[in-house]
Amino acid sequence: MIHIARIEGVKHYILVDHNQQVIVHNLKDYRRIGAMICFCGLQSYALGKSRLKFLIFERKNHNDLFIFPVGNYYLGVIKHKTIGAVELTHNVLAFLNELVSNRPDKNLH
């Protein structure tokens, strides 16, 4: 999962579970952001169940925040200003799809 940092357009990332436990990150204020990502992920799951592919929070400084559900986790990504939201979303979803297809058991619980 740490390879997420190599994806074009990813400035920062954080992976949290449903209990706000941070698994991996490259952020300074990771606890506060991890709690927020977990909260937003859980609330969005209540609305969209398994249909949700990602959330986007646009920010004035164009370092938008994305939240991707990944099995029992939520991946938070802050994008670089220089990449568009559609391109970043495509890059991250392609990475996650490859990650799932390369798992030996092919199940994300």
PDB file of N, CA and C in Angstrom:
ATOM      1  N   MET A   1       0.823  -1.198   0.000  1.00  0.00           N
ATOM      2  CA  MET A   1       0.000   0.000   0.000  1.00  0.00           C
ATOM      3  C   MET A   1       0.867   1.261   0.000  1.00  0.00           C
ATOM      4  N   ILE A   2       2.054   1.183   0.509  1.00  0.00           N
ATOM      5  CA  ILE A   2       2.916   2.365   0.558  1.00  0.00           C
ATOM      6  C   ILE A   2       3.266   2.871  -0.848  1.00  0.00           C
ATOM      7  N   HIS A   3       3.077   2.036  -1.857  1.00  0.00           N
ATOM      8  CA  HIS A   3       3.342   2.438  -3.236  1.00  0.00           C
ATOM      9  C   HIS A   3       2.367   3.502  -3.722  1.00  0.00           C
ATOM     10  N   ILE A   4       1.336   3.765  -2.950  1.00  0.00           N
ATOM     11  CA  ILE A   4       0.377   4.819  -3.306  1.00  0.00           C
ATOM     12  C   ILE A   4       1.079   6.158  -3.498  1.00  0.00           C
ATOM     13  N   ALA A   5       2.162   6.384  -2.765  1.00  0.00           N
ATOM     14  CA  ALA A   5       2.901   7.649  -2.863  1.00  0.00           C
ATOM     15  C   ALA A   5       3.539   7.832  -4.229  1.00  0.00           C
ATOM     16  N   ARG A   6       3.733   6.763  -4.961  1.00  0.00           N
ATOM     17  CA  ARG A   6       4.358   6.837  -6.286  1.00  0.00           C
ATOM     18  C   ARG A   6       3.367   7.156  -7.402  1.00  0.00           C
ATOM     19  N   ILE A   7       2.101   7.156  -7.080  1.00  0.00           N
ATOM     20  CA  ILE A   7       1.080   7.437  -8.088  1.00  0.00           C
ATOM     21  C   ILE A   7       1.128   8.914  -8.441  1.00  0.00           C
ATOM     22  N   GLU A   8       1.068   9.173  -9.737  1.00  0.00           N
ATOM     23  CA  GLU A   8       1.109  10.557 -10.208  1.00  0.00           C
ATOM     24  C   GLU A   8      -0.057  11.347  -9.612  1.00  0.00           C
ATOM     25  N   GLY A   9       0.271  12.462  -8.985  1.00  0.00           N
ATOM     26  CA  GLY A   9      -0.739  13.345  -8.430  1.00  0.00           C
ATOM     27  C   GLY A   9      -0.974  13.199  -6.946  1.00  0.00           C
ATOM     28  N   VAL A  10      -0.445  12.147  -6.320  1.00  0.00           N
ATOM     29  CA  VAL A  10      -0.637  11.934  -4.889  1.00  0.00           C
ATOM     30  C   VAL A  10       0.405  12.756  -4.129  1.00  0.00           C
ATOM     31  N   LYS A  11      -0.071  13.693  -3.334  1.00  0.00           N
ATOM     32  CA  LYS A  11       0.821  14.503  -2.503  1.00  0.00           C
ATOM     33  C   LYS A  11       0.997  13.857  -1.125  1.00  0.00           C
ATOM     34  N   HIS A  12      -0.130  13.487  -0.502  1.00  0.00           N
ATOM     35  CA  HIS A  12      -0.118  12.835   0.802  1.00  0.00           C
ATOM     36  C   HIS A  12      -1.137  11.703   0.791  1.00  0.00           C
ATOM     37  N   TYR A  13      -0.940  10.734   1.678  1.00  0.00           N
ATOM     38  CA  TYR A  13      -1.877   9.614   1.785  1.00  0.00           C
ATOM     39  C   TYR A  13      -1.959   9.166   3.236  1.00  0.00           C
ATOM     40  N   ILE A  14      -3.066   8.506   3.549  1.00  0.00           N
ATOM     41  CA  ILE A  14      -3.261   7.922   4.866  1.00  0.00           C
ATOM     42  C   ILE A  14      -4.258   6.780   4.726  1.00  0.00           C
ATOM     43  N   LEU A  15      -3.973   5.674   5.382  1.00  0.00           N
ATOM     44  CA  LEU A  15      -4.864   4.517   5.387  1.00  0.00           C
ATOM     45  C   LEU A  15      -5.308   4.282   6.822  1.00  0.00           C
ATOM     46  N   VAL A  16      -6.631   4.278   7.051  1.00  0.00           N
ATOM     47  CA  VAL A  16      -7.176   4.090   8.394  1.00  0.00           C
ATOM     48  C   VAL A  16      -8.214   2.972   8.372  1.00  0.00           C
ATOM     49  N   ASP A  17      -8.399   2.346   9.541  1.00  0.00           N
ATOM     50  CA  ASP A  17      -9.448   1.337   9.632  1.00  0.00           C
ATOM     51  C   ASP A  17     -10.709   1.968  10.221  1.00  0.00           C
ATOM     52  N   HIS A  18     -11.736   1.151  10.413  1.00  0.00           N
ATOM     53  CA  HIS A  18     -13.027   1.655  10.904  1.00  0.00           C
ATOM     54  C   HIS A  18     -12.981   2.120  12.355  1.00  0.00           C
ATOM     55  N   ASN A  19     -11.875   1.881  13.052  1.00  0.00           N
ATOM     56  CA  ASN A  19     -11.718   2.322  14.442  1.00  0.00           C
ATOM     57  C   ASN A  19     -10.762   3.497  14.577  1.00  0.00           C
ATOM     58  N   GLN A  20     -10.507   4.178  13.489  1.00  0.00           N
ATOM     59  CA  GLN A  20      -9.613   5.334  13.420  1.00  0.00           C
ATOM     60  C   GLN A  20      -8.146   4.982  13.630  1.00  0.00           C
ATOM     61  N   GLN A  21      -7.821   3.707  13.564  1.00  0.00           N
ATOM     62  CA  GLN A  21      -6.429   3.277  13.694  1.00  0.00           C
ATOM     63  C   GLN A  21      -5.703   3.569  12.384  1.00  0.00           C
ATOM     64  N   VAL A  22      -4.645   4.364  12.456  1.00  0.00           N
ATOM     65  CA  VAL A  22      -3.871   4.697  11.264  1.00  0.00           C
ATOM     66  C   VAL A  22      -2.904   3.553  10.973  1.00  0.00           C
ATOM     67  N   ILE A  23      -2.950   3.057   9.751  1.00  0.00           N
ATOM     68  CA  ILE A  23      -2.121   1.928   9.340  1.00  0.00           C
ATOM     69  C   ILE A  23      -0.809   2.416   8.739  1.00  0.00           C
ATOM     70  N   VAL A  24      -0.895   3.363   7.818  1.00  0.00           N
ATOM     71  CA  VAL A  24       0.275   3.932   7.150  1.00  0.00           C
ATOM     72  C   VAL A  24      -0.098   5.341   6.683  1.00  0.00           C
ATOM     73  N   HIS A  25       0.898   6.230   6.628  1.00  0.00           N
ATOM     74  CA  HIS A  25       0.629   7.616   6.224  1.00  0.00           C
ATOM     75  C   HIS A  25       1.931   8.318   5.872  1.00  0.00           C
ATOM     76  N   ASN A  26       1.822   9.496   5.286  1.00  0.00           N
ATOM     77  CA  ASN A  26       2.963  10.394   5.108  1.00  0.00           C
ATOM     78  C   ASN A  26       2.547  11.830   5.444  1.00  0.00           C
ATOM     79  N   LEU A  27       1.808  11.979   6.514  1.00  0.00           N
ATOM     80  CA  LEU A  27       1.278  13.268   6.965  1.00  0.00           C
ATOM     81  C   LEU A  27       1.851  13.641   8.325  1.00  0.00           C
ATOM     82  N   LYS A  28       1.903  14.955   8.597  1.00  0.00           N
ATOM     83  CA  LYS A  28       2.324  15.412   9.921  1.00  0.00           C
ATOM     84  C   LYS A  28       1.200  15.255  10.943  1.00  0.00           C
ATOM     85  N   ASP A  29       0.027  15.749  10.611  1.00  0.00           N
ATOM     86  CA  ASP A  29      -1.111  15.721  11.534  1.00  0.00           C
ATOM     87  C   ASP A  29      -2.009  14.527  11.209  1.00  0.00           C
ATOM     88  N   TYR A  30      -1.434  13.343  11.242  1.00  0.00           N
ATOM     89  CA  TYR A  30      -2.140  12.163  10.756  1.00  0.00           C
ATOM     90  C   TYR A  30      -3.293  11.712  11.660  1.00  0.00           C
ATOM     91  N   ARG A  31      -3.212  11.958  12.957  1.00  0.00           N
ATOM     92  CA  ARG A  31      -4.290  11.491  13.848  1.00  0.00           C
ATOM     93  C   ARG A  31      -5.588  12.256  13.606  1.00  0.00           C
ATOM     94  N   ARG A  32      -5.496  13.564  13.499  1.00  0.00           N
ATOM     95  CA  ARG A  32      -6.694  14.379  13.270  1.00  0.00           C
ATOM     96  C   ARG A  32      -7.299  14.066  11.909  1.00  0.00           C
ATOM     97  N   ILE A  33      -6.456  13.992  10.901  1.00  0.00           N
ATOM     98  CA  ILE A  33      -6.942  13.707   9.551  1.00  0.00           C
ATOM     99  C   ILE A  33      -7.464  12.275   9.469  1.00  0.00           C
ATOM    100  N   GLY A  34      -6.805  11.344  10.126  1.00  0.00           N
ATOM    101  CA  GLY A  34      -7.268   9.958  10.144  1.00  0.00           C
ATOM    102  C   GLY A  34      -8.646   9.824  10.758  1.00  0.00           C
ATOM    103  N   ALA A  35      -8.878  10.543  11.858  1.00  0.00           N
ATOM    104  CA  ALA A  35     -10.195  10.508  12.508  1.00  0.00           C
ATOM    105  C   ALA A  35     -11.260  11.081  11.584  1.00  0.00           C
ATOM    106  N   MET A  36     -10.927  12.170  10.880  1.00  0.00           N
ATOM    107  CA  MET A  36     -11.879  12.791   9.965  1.00  0.00           C
ATOM    108  C   MET A  36     -12.182  11.876   8.780  1.00  0.00           C
ATOM    109  N   ILE A  37     -11.169  11.221   8.243  1.00  0.00           N
ATOM    110  CA  ILE A  37     -11.369  10.312   7.113  1.00  0.00           C
ATOM    111  C   ILE A  37     -12.233   9.128   7.536  1.00  0.00           C
ATOM    112  N   CYS A  38     -11.961   8.594   8.699  1.00  0.00           N
ATOM    113  CA  CYS A  38     -12.769   7.484   9.213  1.00  0.00           C
ATOM    114  C   CYS A  38     -14.221   7.915   9.391  1.00  0.00           C
ATOM    115  N   PHE A  39     -14.438   9.055  10.018  1.00  0.00           N
ATOM    116  CA  PHE A  39     -15.797   9.556  10.244  1.00  0.00           C
ATOM    117  C   PHE A  39     -16.528   9.743   8.910  1.00  0.00           C
ATOM    118  N   CYS A  40     -15.902  10.413   7.959  1.00  0.00           N
ATOM    119  CA  CYS A  40     -16.542  10.651   6.656  1.00  0.00           C
ATOM    120  C   CYS A  40     -16.804   9.340   5.929  1.00  0.00           C
ATOM    121  N   GLY A  41     -15.855   8.419   5.997  1.00  0.00           N
ATOM    122  CA  GLY A  41     -16.036   7.121   5.349  1.00  0.00           C
ATOM    123  C   GLY A  41     -17.203   6.349   5.929  1.00  0.00           C
ATOM    124  N   LEU A  42     -17.289   6.323   7.258  1.00  0.00           N
ATOM    125  CA  LEU A  42     -18.396   5.609   7.904  1.00  0.00           C
ATOM    126  C   LEU A  42     -19.736   6.257   7.591  1.00  0.00           C
ATOM    127  N   GLN A  43     -19.786   7.580   7.589  1.00  0.00           N
ATOM    128  CA  GLN A  43     -21.037   8.275   7.276  1.00  0.00           C
ATOM    129  C   GLN A  43     -21.446   8.052   5.825  1.00  0.00           C
ATOM    130  N   SER A  44     -20.493   8.083   4.921  1.00  0.00           N
ATOM    131  CA  SER A  44     -20.818   7.879   3.510  1.00  0.00           C
ATOM    132  C   SER A  44     -21.245   6.437   3.251  1.00  0.00           C
ATOM    133  N   TYR A  45     -20.661   5.495   3.979  1.00  0.00           N
ATOM    134  CA  TYR A  45     -21.063   4.095   3.835  1.00  0.00           C
ATOM    135  C   TYR A  45     -22.520   3.925   4.252  1.00  0.00           C
ATOM    136  N   ALA A  46     -22.924   4.636   5.288  1.00  0.00           N
ATOM    137  CA  ALA A  46     -24.311   4.562   5.740  1.00  0.00           C
ATOM    138  C   ALA A  46     -25.255   5.064   4.648  1.00  0.00           C
ATOM    139  N   LEU A  47     -24.793   6.000   3.835  1.00  0.00           N
ATOM    140  CA  LEU A  47     -25.622   6.536   2.749  1.00  0.00           C
ATOM    141  C   LEU A  47     -25.555   5.689   1.487  1.00  0.00           C
ATOM    142  N   GLY A  48     -24.344   5.249   1.121  1.00  0.00           N
ATOM    143  CA  GLY A  48     -24.172   4.609  -0.170  1.00  0.00           C
ATOM    144  C   GLY A  48     -23.893   3.132  -0.146  1.00  0.00           C
ATOM    145  N   LYS A  49     -23.733   2.559   1.051  1.00  0.00           N
ATOM    146  CA  LYS A  49     -23.390   1.144   1.185  1.00  0.00           C
ATOM    147  C   LYS A  49     -22.208   0.808   0.281  1.00  0.00           C
ATOM    148  N   SER A  50     -22.307  -0.256  -0.498  1.00  0.00           N
ATOM    149  CA  SER A  50     -21.174  -0.692  -1.309  1.00  0.00           C
ATOM    150  C   SER A  50     -21.084   0.025  -2.653  1.00  0.00           C
ATOM    151  N   ARG A  51     -22.001   0.913  -2.943  1.00  0.00           N
ATOM    152  CA  ARG A  51     -21.969   1.618  -4.232  1.00  0.00           C
ATOM    153  C   ARG A  51     -20.932   2.734  -4.258  1.00  0.00           C
ATOM    154  N   LEU A  52     -20.466   3.152  -3.111  1.00  0.00           N
ATOM    155  CA  LEU A  52     -19.532   4.270  -3.026  1.00  0.00           C
ATOM    156  C   LEU A  52     -18.155   3.868  -3.521  1.00  0.00           C
ATOM    157  N   LYS A  53     -17.619   4.618  -4.486  1.00  0.00           N
ATOM    158  CA  LYS A  53     -16.263   4.361  -4.977  1.00  0.00           C
ATOM    159  C   LYS A  53     -15.268   5.349  -4.401  1.00  0.00           C
ATOM    160  N   PHE A  54     -15.696   6.589  -4.159  1.00  0.00           N
ATOM    161  CA  PHE A  54     -14.818   7.587  -3.568  1.00  0.00           C
ATOM    162  C   PHE A  54     -15.618   8.835  -3.217  1.00  0.00           C
ATOM    163  N   LEU A  55     -15.020   9.646  -2.358  1.00  0.00           N
ATOM    164  CA  LEU A  55     -15.551  10.960  -1.997  1.00  0.00           C
ATOM    165  C   LEU A  55     -14.501  12.000  -2.351  1.00  0.00           C
ATOM    166  N   ILE A  56     -14.937  13.194  -2.706  1.00  0.00           N
ATOM    167  CA  ILE A  56     -14.005  14.291  -2.970  1.00  0.00           C
ATOM    168  C   ILE A  56     -14.435  15.500  -2.153  1.00  0.00           C
ATOM    169  N   PHE A  57     -13.470  16.080  -1.466  1.00  0.00           N
ATOM    170  CA  PHE A  57     -13.677  17.344  -0.778  1.00  0.00           C
ATOM    171  C   PHE A  57     -12.794  18.373  -1.460  1.00  0.00           C
ATOM    172  N   GLU A  58     -13.425  19.275  -2.218  1.00  0.00           N
ATOM    173  CA  GLU A  58     -12.659  20.315  -2.906  1.00  0.00           C
ATOM    174  C   GLU A  58     -12.220  21.369  -1.902  1.00  0.00           C
ATOM    175  N   ARG A  59     -10.984  21.827  -2.070  1.00  0.00           N
ATOM    176  CA  ARG A  59     -10.435  22.826  -1.166  1.00  0.00           C
ATOM    177  C   ARG A  59     -10.007  24.045  -1.968  1.00  0.00           C
ATOM    178  N   LYS A  60     -10.068  25.202  -1.346  1.00  0.00           N
ATOM    179  CA  LYS A  60      -9.711  26.449  -2.032  1.00  0.00           C
ATOM    180  C   LYS A  60      -8.302  26.418  -2.596  1.00  0.00           C
ATOM    181  N   ASN A  61      -7.388  25.788  -1.891  1.00  0.00           N
ATOM    182  CA  ASN A  61      -5.987  25.754  -2.333  1.00  0.00           C
ATOM    183  C   ASN A  61      -5.738  24.686  -3.411  1.00  0.00           C
ATOM    184  N   HIS A  62      -6.779  24.008  -3.853  1.00  0.00           N
ATOM    185  CA  HIS A  62      -6.742  22.978  -4.907  1.00  0.00           C
ATOM    186  C   HIS A  62      -5.995  21.711  -4.493  1.00  0.00           C
ATOM    187  N   ASN A  63      -5.660  21.569  -3.225  1.00  0.00           N
ATOM    188  CA  ASN A  63      -5.123  20.312  -2.694  1.00  0.00           C
ATOM    189  C   ASN A  63      -6.320  19.511  -2.176  1.00  0.00           C
ATOM    190  N   ASP A  64      -7.129  19.045  -3.112  1.00  0.00           N
ATOM    191  CA  ASP A  64      -8.376  18.368  -2.770  1.00  0.00           C
ATOM    192  C   ASP A  64      -8.109  17.072  -2.008  1.00  0.00           C
ATOM    193  N   LEU A  65      -9.064  16.692  -1.173  1.00  0.00           N
ATOM    194  CA  LEU A  65      -8.982  15.473  -0.376  1.00  0.00           C
ATOM    195  C   LEU A  65      -9.929  14.437  -0.962  1.00  0.00           C
ATOM    196  N   PHE A  66      -9.421  13.234  -1.176  1.00  0.00           N
ATOM    197  CA  PHE A  66     -10.191  12.115  -1.707  1.00  0.00           C
ATOM    198  C   PHE A  66     -10.218  11.018  -0.653  1.00  0.00           C
ATOM    199  N   ILE A  67     -11.349  10.332  -0.554  1.00  0.00           N
ATOM    200  CA  ILE A  67     -11.463   9.186   0.343  1.00  0.00           C
ATOM    201  C   ILE A  67     -11.973   8.008  -0.480  1.00  0.00           C
ATOM    202  N   PHE A  68     -11.194   6.923  -0.454  1.00  0.00           N
ATOM    203  CA  PHE A  68     -11.522   5.704  -1.191  1.00  0.00           C
ATOM    204  C   PHE A  68     -11.744   4.572  -0.195  1.00  0.00           C
ATOM    205  N   PRO A  69     -12.898   3.913  -0.206  1.00  0.00           N
ATOM    206  CA  PRO A  69     -13.061   2.720   0.632  1.00  0.00           C
ATOM    207  C   PRO A  69     -12.240   1.572   0.040  1.00  0.00           C
ATOM    208  N   VAL A  70     -11.496   0.890   0.906  1.00  0.00           N
ATOM    209  CA  VAL A  70     -10.650  -0.229   0.480  1.00  0.00           C
ATOM    210  C   VAL A  70     -10.874  -1.363   1.472  1.00  0.00           C
ATOM    211  N   GLY A  71     -11.798  -2.250   1.171  1.00  0.00           N
ATOM    212  CA  GLY A  71     -12.125  -3.326   2.099  1.00  0.00           C
ATOM    213  C   GLY A  71     -12.633  -2.759   3.410  1.00  0.00           C
ATOM    214  N   ASN A  72     -11.980  -3.088   4.507  1.00  0.00           N
ATOM    215  CA  ASN A  72     -12.349  -2.574   5.830  1.00  0.00           C
ATOM    216  C   ASN A  72     -11.588  -1.307   6.204  1.00  0.00           C
ATOM    217  N   TYR A  73     -11.029  -0.635   5.217  1.00  0.00           N
ATOM    218  CA  TYR A  73     -10.206   0.546   5.450  1.00  0.00           C
ATOM    219  C   TYR A  73     -10.699   1.707   4.595  1.00  0.00           C
ATOM    220  N   TYR A  74     -10.165   2.887   4.909  1.00  0.00           N
ATOM    221  CA  TYR A  74     -10.391   4.067   4.085  1.00  0.00           C
ATOM    222  C   TYR A  74      -9.039   4.654   3.731  1.00  0.00           C
ATOM    223  N   LEU A  75      -8.840   4.889   2.447  1.00  0.00           N
ATOM    224  CA  LEU A  75      -7.622   5.515   1.962  1.00  0.00           C
ATOM    225  C   LEU A  75      -7.907   6.981   1.705  1.00  0.00           C
ATOM    226  N   GLY A  76      -7.195   7.845   2.405  1.00  0.00           N
ATOM    227  CA  GLY A  76      -7.294   9.275   2.173  1.00  0.00           C
ATOM    228  C   GLY A  76      -6.134   9.720   1.317  1.00  0.00           C
ATOM    229  N   VAL A  77      -6.413  10.528   0.301  1.00  0.00           N
ATOM    230  CA  VAL A  77      -5.379  11.024  -0.597  1.00  0.00           C
ATOM    231  C   VAL A  77      -5.572  12.524  -0.762  1.00  0.00           C
ATOM    232  N   ILE A  78      -4.491  13.266  -0.605  1.00  0.00           N
ATOM    233  CA  ILE A  78      -4.490  14.699  -0.907  1.00  0.00           C
ATOM    234  C   ILE A  78      -3.723  14.849  -2.209  1.00  0.00           C
ATOM    235  N   LYS A  79      -4.353  15.497  -3.181  1.00  0.00           N
ATOM    236  CA  LYS A  79      -3.750  15.593  -4.509  1.00  0.00           C
ATOM    237  C   LYS A  79      -2.845  16.816  -4.630  1.00  0.00           C
ATOM    238  N   HIS A  80      -1.887  16.713  -5.555  1.00  0.00           N
ATOM    239  CA  HIS A  80      -1.074  17.861  -5.920  1.00  0.00           C
ATOM    240  C   HIS A  80      -1.951  18.867  -6.659  1.00  0.00           C
ATOM    241  N   LYS A  81      -1.629  20.121  -6.540  1.00  0.00           N
ATOM    242  CA  LYS A  81      -2.382  21.169  -7.238  1.00  0.00           C
ATOM    243  C   LYS A  81      -2.316  21.004  -8.751  1.00  0.00           C
ATOM    244  N   THR A  82      -1.266  20.394  -9.245  1.00  0.00           N
ATOM    245  CA  THR A  82      -0.999  20.362 -10.680  1.00  0.00           C
ATOM    246  C   THR A  82      -1.752  19.282 -11.446  1.00  0.00           C
ATOM    247  N   ILE A  83      -2.509  18.447 -10.763  1.00  0.00           N
ATOM    248  CA  ILE A  83      -3.232  17.365 -11.447  1.00  0.00           C
ATOM    249  C   ILE A  83      -4.730  17.573 -11.259  1.00  0.00           C
ATOM    250  N   GLY A  84      -5.486  17.162 -12.238  1.00  0.00           N
ATOM    251  CA  GLY A  84      -6.927  17.277 -12.145  1.00  0.00           C
ATOM    252  C   GLY A  84      -7.542  16.154 -11.323  1.00  0.00           C
ATOM    253  N   ALA A  85      -8.726  16.414 -10.816  1.00  0.00           N
ATOM    254  CA  ALA A  85      -9.424  15.439  -9.977  1.00  0.00           C
ATOM    255  C   ALA A  85      -9.745  14.155 -10.740  1.00  0.00           C
ATOM    256  N   VAL A  86     -10.155  14.276 -11.975  1.00  0.00           N
ATOM    257  CA  VAL A  86     -10.511  13.099 -12.773  1.00  0.00           C
ATOM    258  C   VAL A  86      -9.285  12.228 -13.012  1.00  0.00           C
ATOM    259  N   GLU A  87      -8.165  12.853 -13.341  1.00  0.00           N
ATOM    260  CA  GLU A  87      -6.940  12.092 -13.596  1.00  0.00           C
ATOM    261  C   GLU A  87      -6.449  11.396 -12.324  1.00  0.00           C
ATOM    262  N   LEU A  88      -6.468  12.100 -11.202  1.00  0.00           N
ATOM    263  CA  LEU A  88      -6.039  11.478  -9.952  1.00  0.00           C
ATOM    264  C   LEU A  88      -6.949  10.312  -9.584  1.00  0.00           C
ATOM    265  N   THR A  89      -8.246  10.517  -9.706  1.00  0.00           N
ATOM    266  CA  THR A  89      -9.198   9.454  -9.396  1.00  0.00           C
ATOM    267  C   THR A  89      -8.929   8.228 -10.253  1.00  0.00           C
ATOM    268  N   HIS A  90      -8.724   8.440 -11.529  1.00  0.00           N
ATOM    269  CA  HIS A  90      -8.416   7.327 -12.441  1.00  0.00           C
ATOM    270  C   HIS A  90      -7.136   6.615 -12.000  1.00  0.00           C
ATOM    271  N   ASN A  91      -6.092   7.363 -11.673  1.00  0.00           N
ATOM    272  CA  ASN A  91      -4.813   6.781 -11.262  1.00  0.00           C
ATOM    273  C   ASN A  91      -4.952   5.942  -9.993  1.00  0.00           C
ATOM    274  N   VAL A  92      -5.654   6.463  -9.004  1.00  0.00           N
ATOM    275  CA  VAL A  92      -5.800   5.747  -7.732  1.00  0.00           C
ATOM    276  C   VAL A  92      -6.690   4.519  -7.902  1.00  0.00           C
ATOM    277  N   LEU A  93      -7.803   4.647  -8.613  1.00  0.00           N
ATOM    278  CA  LEU A  93      -8.683   3.489  -8.816  1.00  0.00           C
ATOM    279  C   LEU A  93      -7.979   2.390  -9.605  1.00  0.00           C
ATOM    280  N   ALA A  94      -7.168   2.768 -10.592  1.00  0.00           N
ATOM    281  CA  ALA A  94      -6.404   1.769 -11.344  1.00  0.00           C
ATOM    282  C   ALA A  94      -5.413   1.061 -10.423  1.00  0.00           C
ATOM    283  N   PHE A  95      -4.750   1.811  -9.543  1.00  0.00           N
ATOM    284  CA  PHE A  95      -3.824   1.221  -8.578  1.00  0.00           C
ATOM    285  C   PHE A  95      -4.545   0.250  -7.653  1.00  0.00           C
ATOM    286  N   LEU A  96      -5.690   0.671  -7.115  1.00  0.00           N
ATOM    287  CA  LEU A  96      -6.444  -0.186  -6.197  1.00  0.00           C
ATOM    288  C   LEU A  96      -6.965  -1.437  -6.894  1.00  0.00           C
ATOM    289  N   ASN A  97      -7.433  -1.295  -8.121  1.00  0.00           N
ATOM    290  CA  ASN A  97      -7.896  -2.467  -8.881  1.00  0.00           C
ATOM    291  C   ASN A  97      -6.761  -3.450  -9.127  1.00  0.00           C
ATOM    292  N   GLU A  98      -5.582  -2.940  -9.433  1.00  0.00           N
ATOM    293  CA  GLU A  98      -4.416  -3.802  -9.638  1.00  0.00           C
ATOM    294  C   GLU A  98      -4.022  -4.493  -8.335  1.00  0.00           C
ATOM    295  N   LEU A  99      -4.099  -3.745  -7.248  1.00  0.00           N
ATOM    296  CA  LEU A  99      -3.772  -4.302  -5.939  1.00  0.00           C
ATOM    297  C   LEU A  99      -4.696  -5.472  -5.602  1.00  0.00           C
ATOM    298  N   VAL A 100      -5.987  -5.294  -5.847  1.00  0.00           N
ATOM    299  CA  VAL A 100      -6.968  -6.346  -5.572  1.00  0.00           C
ATOM    300  C   VAL A 100      -6.756  -7.542  -6.506  1.00  0.00           C
ATOM    301  N   SER A 101      -6.502  -7.294  -7.768  1.00  0.00           N
ATOM    302  CA  SER A 101      -6.342  -8.402  -8.718  1.00  0.00           C
ATOM    303  C   SER A 101      -5.058  -9.191  -8.489  1.00  0.00           C
ATOM    304  N   ASN A 102      -4.078  -8.601  -7.813  1.00  0.00           N
ATOM    305  CA  ASN A 102      -2.818  -9.294  -7.535  1.00  0.00           C
ATOM    306  C   ASN A 102      -2.770  -9.963  -6.177  1.00  0.00           C
ATOM    307  N   ARG A 103      -3.841  -9.839  -5.380  1.00  0.00           N
ATOM    308  CA  ARG A 103      -3.879 -10.514  -4.069  1.00  0.00           C
ATOM    309  C   ARG A 103      -3.999 -12.008  -4.271  1.00  0.00           C
ATOM    310  N   PRO A 104      -3.268 -12.780  -3.481  1.00  0.00           N
ATOM    311  CA  PRO A 104      -3.366 -14.239  -3.620  1.00  0.00           C
ATOM    312  C   PRO A 104      -4.782 -14.769  -3.366  1.00  0.00           C
ATOM    313  N   ASP A 105      -5.484 -14.236  -2.373  1.00  0.00           N
ATOM    314  CA  ASP A 105      -6.831 -14.748  -2.072  1.00  0.00           C
ATOM    315  C   ASP A 105      -7.926 -13.937  -2.766  1.00  0.00           C
ATOM    316  N   LYS A 106      -7.557 -12.835  -3.389  1.00  0.00           N
ATOM    317  CA  LYS A 106      -8.470 -11.964  -4.138  1.00  0.00           C
ATOM    318  C   LYS A 106      -9.658 -11.473  -3.315  1.00  0.00           C
ATOM    319  N   ASN A 107      -9.530 -11.459  -2.005  1.00  0.00           N
ATOM    320  CA  ASN A 107     -10.618 -10.968  -1.135  1.00  0.00           C
ATOM    321  C   ASN A 107     -10.088  -9.872  -0.238  1.00  0.00           C
ATOM    322  N   LEU A 108     -10.778  -8.734  -0.222  1.00  0.00           N
ATOM    323  CA  LEU A 108     -10.511  -7.691   0.764  1.00  0.00           C
ATOM    324  C   LEU A 108     -11.634  -7.758   1.779  1.00  0.00           C
ATOM    325  N   HIS A 109     -11.335  -8.156   2.982  1.00  0.00           N
ATOM    326  CA  HIS A 109     -12.370  -8.320   3.999  1.00  0.00           C
ATOM    327  C   HIS A 109     -12.600  -7.036   4.710  1.00  0.00           C
TER     328      HIS A 109
END
